Structure formats: structure tokens, C-alpha cells
Protein backbone atom coordinates (compact mmCIF):
# COMPACT_ATOMS: atom_id res chain seq x y z
CA UNK A 1 -35.83 -8.42 56.12
CA UNK A 2 -31.93 -9.08 56.10
CA UNK A 3 -29.88 -6.03 55.22
CA UNK A 4 -28.03 -6.24 51.91
CA UNK A 5 -24.49 -5.59 53.56
CA UNK A 6 -25.04 -8.49 56.13
CA UNK A 7 -24.19 -11.30 53.29
CA UNK A 8 -21.70 -14.06 54.42
CA UNK A 9 -18.52 -13.92 52.20
CA UNK A 10 -15.78 -16.41 51.93
CA UNK A 11 -12.50 -16.28 53.68
CA UNK A 12 -9.35 -17.17 52.01
CA UNK A 13 -6.00 -17.41 53.70
CA UNK A 14 -2.49 -16.78 52.35
CA UNK A 15 -2.06 -20.54 51.56
CA UNK A 16 -5.41 -20.90 50.01
CA UNK A 17 -4.78 -18.47 47.21
CA UNK A 18 -3.27 -20.85 44.57
CA UNK A 19 -4.09 -22.74 41.84
CA UNK A 20 -4.28 -25.85 43.73
CA UNK A 21 -7.16 -24.62 46.14
CA UNK A 22 -9.49 -23.23 43.37
CA UNK A 23 -11.92 -25.79 41.63
CA UNK A 24 -14.82 -25.27 39.64
CA UNK A 25 -17.17 -25.41 42.94
CA UNK A 26 -15.78 -21.96 43.70
CA UNK A 27 -17.26 -20.76 40.22
CA UNK A 28 -20.24 -22.28 38.93
CA UNK A 29 -20.85 -25.11 41.93
CA UNK A 30 -20.78 -22.28 44.42
CA UNK A 31 -22.90 -22.68 47.16
CA UNK A 32 -25.61 -19.52 46.88
CA UNK A 33 -26.11 -19.68 50.48
CA UNK A 34 -22.57 -19.03 51.46
CA UNK A 35 -22.04 -16.73 48.16
CA UNK A 36 -24.91 -15.25 46.54
CA UNK A 37 -23.05 -13.47 44.04
CA UNK A 38 -22.03 -16.72 42.28
CA UNK A 39 -18.58 -15.67 41.57
CA UNK A 40 -15.26 -15.68 42.70
CA UNK A 41 -13.47 -12.81 44.68
CA UNK A 42 -11.33 -10.55 42.45
CA UNK A 43 -8.44 -10.89 44.80
CA UNK A 44 -8.51 -14.71 44.37
CA UNK A 45 -8.86 -14.35 40.72
CA UNK A 46 -6.23 -11.83 39.99
CA UNK A 47 -3.45 -14.06 42.31
CA UNK A 48 -4.39 -16.71 39.98
CA UNK A 49 -3.54 -14.95 36.78
CA UNK A 50 -0.32 -14.07 38.38
CA UNK A 51 0.70 -17.61 39.11
CA UNK A 52 -0.68 -18.74 35.61
CA UNK A 53 1.70 -15.97 33.94
CA UNK A 54 4.69 -16.93 36.08
CA UNK A 55 4.34 -20.60 35.32
CA UNK A 56 3.98 -19.94 31.47
CA UNK A 57 7.12 -17.75 31.63
CA UNK A 58 9.14 -20.40 33.26
CA UNK A 59 8.41 -23.19 30.83
CA UNK A 60 8.75 -20.73 28.00
CA UNK A 61 12.33 -18.98 29.50
CA UNK A 62 13.52 -21.75 31.06
CA UNK A 63 15.04 -19.31 33.97
CA UNK A 64 15.76 -19.56 37.23
CA UNK A 65 13.16 -21.53 39.47
CA UNK A 66 14.21 -19.55 42.71
CA UNK A 67 13.20 -16.11 41.12
CA UNK A 68 10.23 -17.29 39.79
CA UNK A 69 9.18 -18.90 43.16
CA UNK A 70 9.85 -15.90 45.26
CA UNK A 71 7.59 -13.72 42.59
CA UNK A 72 4.93 -16.22 43.32
CA UNK A 73 5.22 -15.99 47.18
CA UNK A 74 5.21 -11.85 46.94
CA UNK A 75 2.34 -12.38 44.41
CA UNK A 76 0.50 -14.55 47.22
CA UNK A 77 0.97 -11.94 50.04
CA UNK A 78 -0.13 -8.92 47.97
CA UNK A 79 -3.51 -11.12 47.34
CA UNK A 80 -3.66 -11.81 51.24
CA UNK A 81 -3.53 -7.89 51.63
CA UNK A 82 -6.17 -7.38 49.02
CA UNK A 83 -8.70 -9.84 50.56
CA UNK A 84 -8.84 -7.99 53.77
CA UNK A 85 -9.73 -4.92 51.90
CA UNK A 86 -12.29 -6.71 49.81
CA UNK A 87 -15.25 -5.75 52.07
CA UNK A 88 -14.47 -1.96 51.69
CA UNK A 89 -13.84 -2.16 48.03
CA UNK A 90 -17.28 -3.82 47.51
CA UNK A 91 -19.21 -1.73 49.68
CA UNK A 92 -17.75 1.34 47.74
CA UNK A 93 -18.29 0.13 44.33
CA UNK A 94 -20.27 2.85 43.15
CA UNK A 95 -18.00 5.61 44.44
CA UNK A 96 -14.95 3.78 42.67
CA UNK A 97 -17.13 3.83 39.45
CA UNK A 98 -17.52 7.58 39.72
CA UNK A 99 -13.79 8.04 40.15
CA UNK A 100 -12.82 6.14 37.42
CA UNK A 101 -15.07 8.13 35.26
CA UNK A 102 -13.94 11.45 36.75
CA UNK A 103 -10.13 9.77 36.12
CA UNK A 104 -11.38 9.15 32.21
CA UNK A 105 -12.54 12.74 31.75
CA UNK A 106 -9.27 14.18 33.03
CA UNK A 107 -7.26 11.81 30.73
CA UNK A 108 -9.41 13.28 27.65
CA UNK A 109 -8.77 16.57 28.74
CA UNK A 110 -5.07 16.62 28.92
CA UNK A 111 -4.81 14.47 25.77
CA UNK A 112 -7.14 17.19 24.04
CA UNK A 113 -4.57 19.79 25.58
CA UNK A 114 -1.46 17.85 24.19
CA UNK A 115 -2.28 17.24 20.70
CA UNK A 116 1.18 18.45 19.47
CA UNK A 117 2.35 21.98 17.84
CA UNK A 118 0.36 23.94 15.36
CA UNK A 119 2.77 24.89 12.37
CA UNK A 120 1.92 28.01 10.35
CA UNK A 121 0.32 28.14 7.09
CA UNK A 122 3.54 29.11 5.19
CA UNK A 123 5.08 25.71 6.14
CA UNK A 124 2.09 23.76 5.08
CA UNK A 125 2.34 25.56 1.88
CA UNK A 126 5.78 24.72 1.14
CA UNK A 127 4.87 21.08 1.58
CA UNK A 128 2.07 21.10 -0.45
CA UNK A 129 4.51 21.49 -3.16
CA UNK A 130 5.57 18.14 -3.14
CA UNK A 131 2.38 16.07 -2.92
CA UNK A 132 0.77 14.01 -5.62
CA UNK A 133 -2.79 14.86 -7.16
CA UNK A 134 -4.18 11.74 -5.85
CA UNK A 135 -2.66 12.68 -2.25
CA UNK A 136 -4.60 16.25 -1.98
CA UNK A 137 -7.56 14.70 0.21
CA UNK A 138 -5.12 12.98 2.70
CA UNK A 139 -3.16 16.22 2.94
CA UNK A 140 -6.02 18.41 3.94
CA UNK A 141 -7.20 15.90 6.46
CA UNK A 142 -4.25 16.63 8.62
CA UNK A 143 -4.95 19.84 10.37
CA UNK A 144 -6.78 22.99 9.85
CA UNK A 145 -3.55 25.19 8.41
CA UNK A 146 -3.21 22.27 5.73
CA UNK A 147 -6.87 22.20 4.61
CA UNK A 148 -6.53 26.37 4.52
CA UNK A 149 -3.71 25.73 1.96
CA UNK A 150 -5.82 23.26 -0.11
CA UNK A 151 -8.47 26.00 -0.28
CA UNK A 152 -6.08 28.95 -1.95
CA UNK A 153 -5.76 29.61 -5.54
CA UNK A 154 -1.94 29.62 -5.18
CA UNK A 155 -2.17 25.64 -4.31
CA UNK A 156 -4.02 24.62 -7.30
CA UNK A 157 -1.91 27.15 -9.98
CA UNK A 158 0.88 25.00 -8.69
CA UNK A 159 -0.55 21.87 -9.08
CA UNK A 160 -1.62 22.66 -12.47
CA UNK A 161 1.88 24.15 -13.74
CA UNK A 162 4.09 21.43 -12.26
CA UNK A 163 2.02 18.75 -14.33
CA UNK A 164 1.46 20.95 -17.67
CA UNK A 165 3.44 19.76 -20.94
CA UNK A 166 3.40 22.03 -23.97
CA UNK A 167 2.54 19.05 -26.54
CA UNK A 168 -0.59 18.01 -24.24
CA UNK A 169 -4.11 18.26 -26.06
CA UNK A 170 -6.12 20.30 -23.88
CA UNK A 171 -9.19 22.23 -24.51
CA UNK A 172 -9.36 25.88 -25.15
CA UNK A 173 -10.87 26.59 -21.70
CA UNK A 174 -8.16 24.32 -19.54
CA UNK A 175 -5.36 26.10 -21.33
CA UNK A 176 -2.53 28.16 -19.24
CA UNK A 177 -4.74 31.46 -20.10
CA UNK A 178 -8.01 30.42 -18.58
CA UNK A 179 -6.47 29.08 -15.50
CA UNK A 180 -5.26 32.61 -14.58
CA UNK A 181 -8.94 33.27 -13.79
CA UNK A 182 -10.08 32.84 -9.88
CA UNK A 183 -13.88 31.59 -11.10
CA UNK A 184 -13.79 27.60 -10.92
CA UNK A 185 -10.00 27.33 -10.81
CA UNK A 186 -10.05 24.37 -8.84
CA UNK A 187 -12.48 22.58 -11.30
CA UNK A 188 -10.48 23.58 -14.00
CA UNK A 189 -7.42 22.07 -12.55
CA UNK A 190 -9.08 19.11 -11.87
CA UNK A 191 -10.13 18.09 -15.04
CA UNK A 192 -6.89 19.51 -16.65
CA UNK A 193 -5.20 16.79 -14.38
CA UNK A 194 -7.33 13.81 -16.41
CA UNK A 195 -5.80 15.25 -19.28
CA UNK A 196 -2.00 15.76 -17.74
CA UNK A 197 -1.39 13.65 -15.15
CA UNK A 198 -0.99 9.71 -16.21
CA UNK A 199 -2.71 7.66 -13.58
CA UNK A 200 -5.64 9.96 -13.88
CA UNK A 201 -5.92 9.51 -17.70
CA UNK A 202 -5.35 5.46 -17.23
CA UNK A 203 -8.05 5.48 -14.55
CA UNK A 204 -10.52 7.12 -17.43
CA UNK A 205 -9.42 4.72 -20.31
CA UNK A 206 -9.73 1.63 -18.36
CA UNK A 207 -13.52 2.20 -17.90
CA UNK A 208 -15.65 -0.27 -20.13
CA UNK A 209 -17.87 0.64 -22.82
CA UNK A 210 -20.94 -1.10 -20.82
CA UNK A 211 -20.77 -1.31 -17.17
CA UNK A 212 -20.54 -4.35 -15.75
CA UNK A 213 -23.82 -3.70 -13.40
CA UNK A 214 -26.35 -1.06 -13.47
CA UNK A 215 -25.56 2.18 -12.26
CA UNK A 216 -27.57 3.19 -9.14
CA UNK A 217 -26.07 6.74 -8.68
CA UNK A 218 -28.59 8.35 -11.09
CA UNK A 219 -31.66 7.09 -9.25
CA UNK A 220 -33.90 9.89 -7.86
CA UNK A 221 -31.86 12.40 -10.20
CA UNK A 222 -33.62 15.20 -11.79
CA UNK A 223 -32.87 15.65 -15.61
CA UNK A 224 -31.66 18.92 -16.64
CA UNK A 225 -30.87 18.46 -20.35
CA UNK A 226 -31.26 16.10 -23.23
CA UNK A 227 -29.96 16.31 -26.79
CA UNK A 228 -29.02 13.87 -29.29
CA UNK A 229 -26.14 13.70 -31.92
CA UNK A 230 -25.73 12.13 -35.11
CA UNK A 231 -21.75 10.40 -34.91
CA UNK A 232 -19.94 9.69 -38.29
CA UNK A 233 -17.15 7.13 -37.89
CA UNK A 234 -15.74 4.14 -39.61
CA UNK A 235 -19.13 2.23 -39.65
CA UNK A 236 -21.15 2.21 -42.94
CA UNK A 237 -24.12 3.09 -40.88
CA UNK A 238 -23.99 6.40 -38.68
CA UNK A 239 -24.53 5.75 -34.90
CA UNK A 240 -26.73 8.16 -32.65
CA UNK A 241 -25.79 9.51 -29.27
CA UNK A 242 -28.29 10.35 -26.38
CA UNK A 243 -27.34 12.45 -23.93
CA UNK A 244 -28.91 12.91 -20.38
CA UNK A 245 -27.51 15.34 -17.89
CA UNK A 246 -28.67 14.76 -14.35
CA UNK A 247 -28.20 16.46 -11.05
CA UNK A 248 -28.65 15.07 -7.39
CA UNK A 249 -31.33 16.27 -5.50
CA UNK A 250 -31.12 17.10 -1.85
CA UNK A 251 -27.28 17.86 -1.71
CA UNK A 252 -26.14 21.57 -0.70
CA UNK A 253 -23.38 22.84 -3.03
CA UNK A 254 -20.47 23.91 -1.78
CA UNK A 255 -21.58 23.15 1.75
CA UNK A 256 -19.45 22.98 4.87
CA UNK A 257 -19.38 21.94 8.09
CA UNK A 258 -19.79 24.16 11.30
CA UNK A 259 -15.91 23.42 12.24
CA UNK A 260 -14.70 24.37 9.05
CA UNK A 261 -16.21 26.94 6.59
CA UNK A 262 -14.77 28.12 3.54
CA UNK A 263 -13.12 31.55 3.57
CA UNK A 264 -14.99 33.90 1.92
CA UNK A 265 -11.96 34.93 -0.33
CA UNK A 266 -11.67 31.57 -1.81
CA UNK A 267 -15.31 31.06 -2.50
CA UNK A 268 -14.70 31.80 -6.10
CA UNK A 269 -11.95 29.16 -6.74
CA UNK A 270 -14.42 26.31 -5.25
CA UNK A 271 -17.26 27.28 -7.19
CA UNK A 272 -18.21 24.34 -9.52
CA UNK A 273 -21.91 24.74 -10.94
CA UNK A 274 -21.20 20.93 -12.15
CA UNK A 275 -20.11 19.59 -8.94
CA UNK A 276 -23.45 17.34 -8.58
CA UNK A 277 -23.89 16.89 -11.77
CA UNK A 278 -23.62 13.44 -14.36
CA UNK A 279 -24.30 12.79 -18.03
CA UNK A 280 -25.38 9.58 -19.52
CA UNK A 281 -24.28 8.86 -22.81
CA UNK A 282 -26.19 6.23 -24.68
CA UNK A 283 -25.02 5.23 -28.15
CA UNK A 284 -27.27 3.37 -30.41
CA UNK A 285 -27.74 1.99 -33.77
CA UNK A 286 -30.18 3.68 -35.28
CA UNK A 287 -32.19 7.06 -34.24
CA UNK A 288 -35.14 6.30 -31.73
CA UNK A 289 -37.75 8.74 -30.89
CA UNK A 290 -37.79 9.65 -27.43
CA UNK A 291 -40.65 11.89 -25.02
CA UNK A 292 -39.60 15.13 -23.60
CA UNK A 293 -38.06 14.23 -20.00
CA UNK A 294 -36.38 17.48 -18.91
CA UNK A 295 -37.41 18.56 -15.32
CA UNK A 296 -38.31 14.97 -14.85
CA UNK A 297 -37.04 12.54 -11.70
CA UNK A 298 -35.08 9.44 -12.77
CA UNK A 299 -36.73 6.53 -10.91
CA UNK A 300 -35.53 3.73 -12.60
CA UNK A 301 -32.75 2.59 -14.85
CA UNK A 302 -31.88 -0.90 -16.12
CA UNK A 303 -29.62 -2.33 -18.89
CA UNK A 304 -30.55 -5.78 -20.11
CA UNK A 305 -30.02 -8.02 -22.96
CA UNK A 306 -31.74 -6.79 -26.17
CA UNK A 307 -34.31 -9.15 -28.09
CA UNK A 308 -31.74 -10.20 -30.74
CA UNK A 309 -29.59 -11.26 -27.80
CA UNK A 310 -26.26 -9.54 -29.76
CA UNK A 311 -26.83 -5.87 -28.35
CA UNK A 312 -28.01 -4.28 -25.01
CA UNK A 313 -31.29 -2.45 -23.96
CA UNK A 314 -31.42 0.43 -21.86
CA UNK A 315 -34.70 1.14 -20.17
CA UNK A 316 -35.51 4.69 -18.12
CA UNK A 317 -38.26 5.66 -16.32
CA UNK A 318 -39.25 8.95 -15.05
CA UNK A 319 -41.47 10.66 -12.72
CA UNK A 320 -43.00 13.91 -12.38
CA UNK A 321 -41.63 14.27 -8.40
CA UNK A 322 -39.17 12.59 -6.78
CA UNK A 323 -39.71 9.15 -4.77
CA UNK A 324 -39.38 9.63 -0.66
CA UNK A 325 -37.62 7.18 1.09
CA UNK A 326 -39.20 3.93 1.92
CA UNK A 327 -41.92 3.82 -0.66
CA UNK A 328 -41.39 1.24 -3.69
CA UNK A 329 -40.46 2.67 -6.99
CA UNK A 330 -43.43 2.32 -9.19
CA UNK A 331 -43.22 0.98 -13.05
CA UNK A 332 -46.41 2.33 -13.88
CA UNK A 333 -47.77 6.15 -14.04
CA UNK A 334 -44.53 7.57 -15.12
CA UNK A 335 -42.63 8.46 -18.81
CA UNK A 336 -40.95 5.75 -20.19
CA UNK A 337 -37.67 5.86 -22.56
CA UNK A 338 -36.43 2.78 -24.02
CA UNK A 339 -33.26 2.53 -26.19
CA UNK A 340 -32.87 -0.56 -28.39
CA UNK A 341 -30.42 -1.95 -29.44
CA UNK A 342 -27.78 -0.27 -27.50
CA UNK A 343 -23.86 0.03 -28.67
CA UNK A 344 -22.38 1.79 -25.53
CA UNK A 345 -23.62 3.04 -22.40
CA UNK A 346 -21.38 5.65 -20.38
CA UNK A 347 -21.97 7.41 -17.06
CA UNK A 348 -19.45 10.64 -16.80
CA UNK A 349 -18.90 12.67 -13.77
CA UNK A 350 -18.13 16.61 -14.00
CA UNK A 351 -14.43 15.75 -14.19
CA UNK A 352 -14.40 13.46 -16.98
CA UNK A 353 -12.45 14.45 -20.05
CA UNK A 354 -15.33 13.95 -22.44
CA UNK A 355 -17.96 15.52 -20.07
CA UNK A 356 -19.59 18.62 -21.88
CA UNK A 357 -17.93 21.97 -20.50
CA UNK A 358 -20.35 24.59 -19.47
CA UNK A 359 -19.95 28.42 -20.27
CA UNK A 360 -18.91 28.79 -16.93
CA UNK A 361 -16.16 26.36 -16.42
């Protein structure tokens, strides 16, 4: 058996390394008996690439012809030198790969060491007084010290005072006297901004009475509370409001990553019992009897057109246990709640101005 290193290779002279001498035969139609690899040598390919770039530059810039030709000749000489060392390069191909990997690792280590300067927390605390409420998340992602500033009670207290107005209609638990408490401070400030900060209040006012598509965030959520309220307004007939409070299952509250853990002195500031909760508010034209579904898991939620084609119909399906991933949601074997006819459907997060406040927040 012949050795792998005894393959015949094409030899190129200095005059051969040009665009005129390279043909299709050097690529796809190469003789496998002569060149078993079936590809052009790197030195020849690099030389042709340089020559093409020089010719393109000559047509675009209309520069001096002599300078381009001299650079082309020097490129051919470099290509000749590279062809002489081609055998050694191909024999040590594995060694060069290892060297490149080591160099890439060194570059990564050097880039990690030279990330930049680390400014103290006091500077980030001063800068935090000039950011907008919608930029708090971006500001906290700059560095660790910036994130530490957003964990402090001073940051949230200053954010509240910057946007507070005396003539603002705020609930009692969002008044300045309640902001002085450390517990649930972040949640109270965020709720206050949806009353005080105009971009946030406009965002809430643009939410339609009926969603364009059925929300899917409530699926596999557990029903914590359920209550019915009678509404008296300008209509001759009273409306009935059905409220379902859900909590997401399988989410850890106030969780933290391994690299960024909440400081213990600021845990009360970020405490929020309603962080994973939603309230589904359905308004109907008349009272509808509904079974008890507290403690059950929502597995199906649909909004369709009512039978009279004038209103909407809401259908909720509850199961005793959450459905595992990969299994199909069954319509049978559970408790069904049908609300028809429906006047409005509203899904509220914990920061919504009309979200019912808990005694802790």
C-alpha cells in the first residue's frame, strides 16, 4: 500500500500563477490521478484573488497602471514563495489547527481581561437620576454596579418623587406616605407610574375592550380567587363582572441567577406577592351561574362569537391538575364555565391600574 504522503502534487512556476493559466480543469475537471484532493492549491487561489482585486481597483479608481503592475508582480513572487512551503504546510495541517485554537483562546482571555474600567456605585447612582422609567431595564443591564443601584430603595424612591404630582388621582396605598415603607416598594412605585407617567397610562388606555386574539398566557395557570360584582352605570340594565385571579405555575418568585443574587438588605424592596398573577375580568349582560373553580387549573380558554351574532362568548375549561408538556389538552373530564353574552374581556397584569390591590401591596 502506498503511503498517504507520497501523493503527486502539481508544481506551479512564478509565471503560471495568474488568471490566464487557471482554468476550469484546475477545479472540477482536475485529473484525480494527479491531484487526488480535487481542489486548487491555496497559494494559487490567493494569488488569483489578489490579482482580481487589483484589476477591480484599477477600473474603479483609474489610477496609475505602473503601480498596479508592480504590486501584481510582487504578489506573484509571494505566491511562488508560498508554493515552495506548501508541502510542509499540508503535512502539518493538524498542528496549525491546534495553534489557531490556542491563539483564539488567548485572544478570548485577553479580551476578557481588557473589558474596561469599573466605576463605583456612587457614579451609577447619580446617573440613575436621569433615566426614564422605560429605560430602567436597559440601565440595569450595563454592568453589575448599575444593577445594584436598581435594587436599592433610594433608586425607587427618587423615581417616584420625580414623577409625582399633587393633583394626581392615586389610590391610598400609592400615596407618598405609603411609599416610605420598604416592603413591596418596587411594586408600589411601578403601579404608581401607570397613574403618573403619561407614556405608561397611554399604553393602558389603548388596550381594547375585547382582545384581537385569545390570550394564551393563562393556560396551565391555577385559579386562586373568584368573585362576582354587580355594576350599575348608565345602562338601564345592570352589568355583571366575573373576576378570576390566576397564578402561573412552575415559576419561582423572586428567583435569581447564580451570578446575580439579590442582596439580602434589599429583598423587602423587591418583594411582590402578585408578581406571577393575572386577573381575568369578564363583563356580561346578565348574571350567569358558575361552578366553584378555585384551586383548579385552566386548560382551555376561548373567545368566540355568541349565538345571536351580536356579542361574544367566553368558554373556560378547568382541570384538577396541570397538564404535562407534550400531552393534548382534553375538552372532557373537567369543569366548564361558559359566559354568554359577553360585553368585554380584560386580562390585567399586576401593574395594571385597575388590578385589585392585595393587603400587602
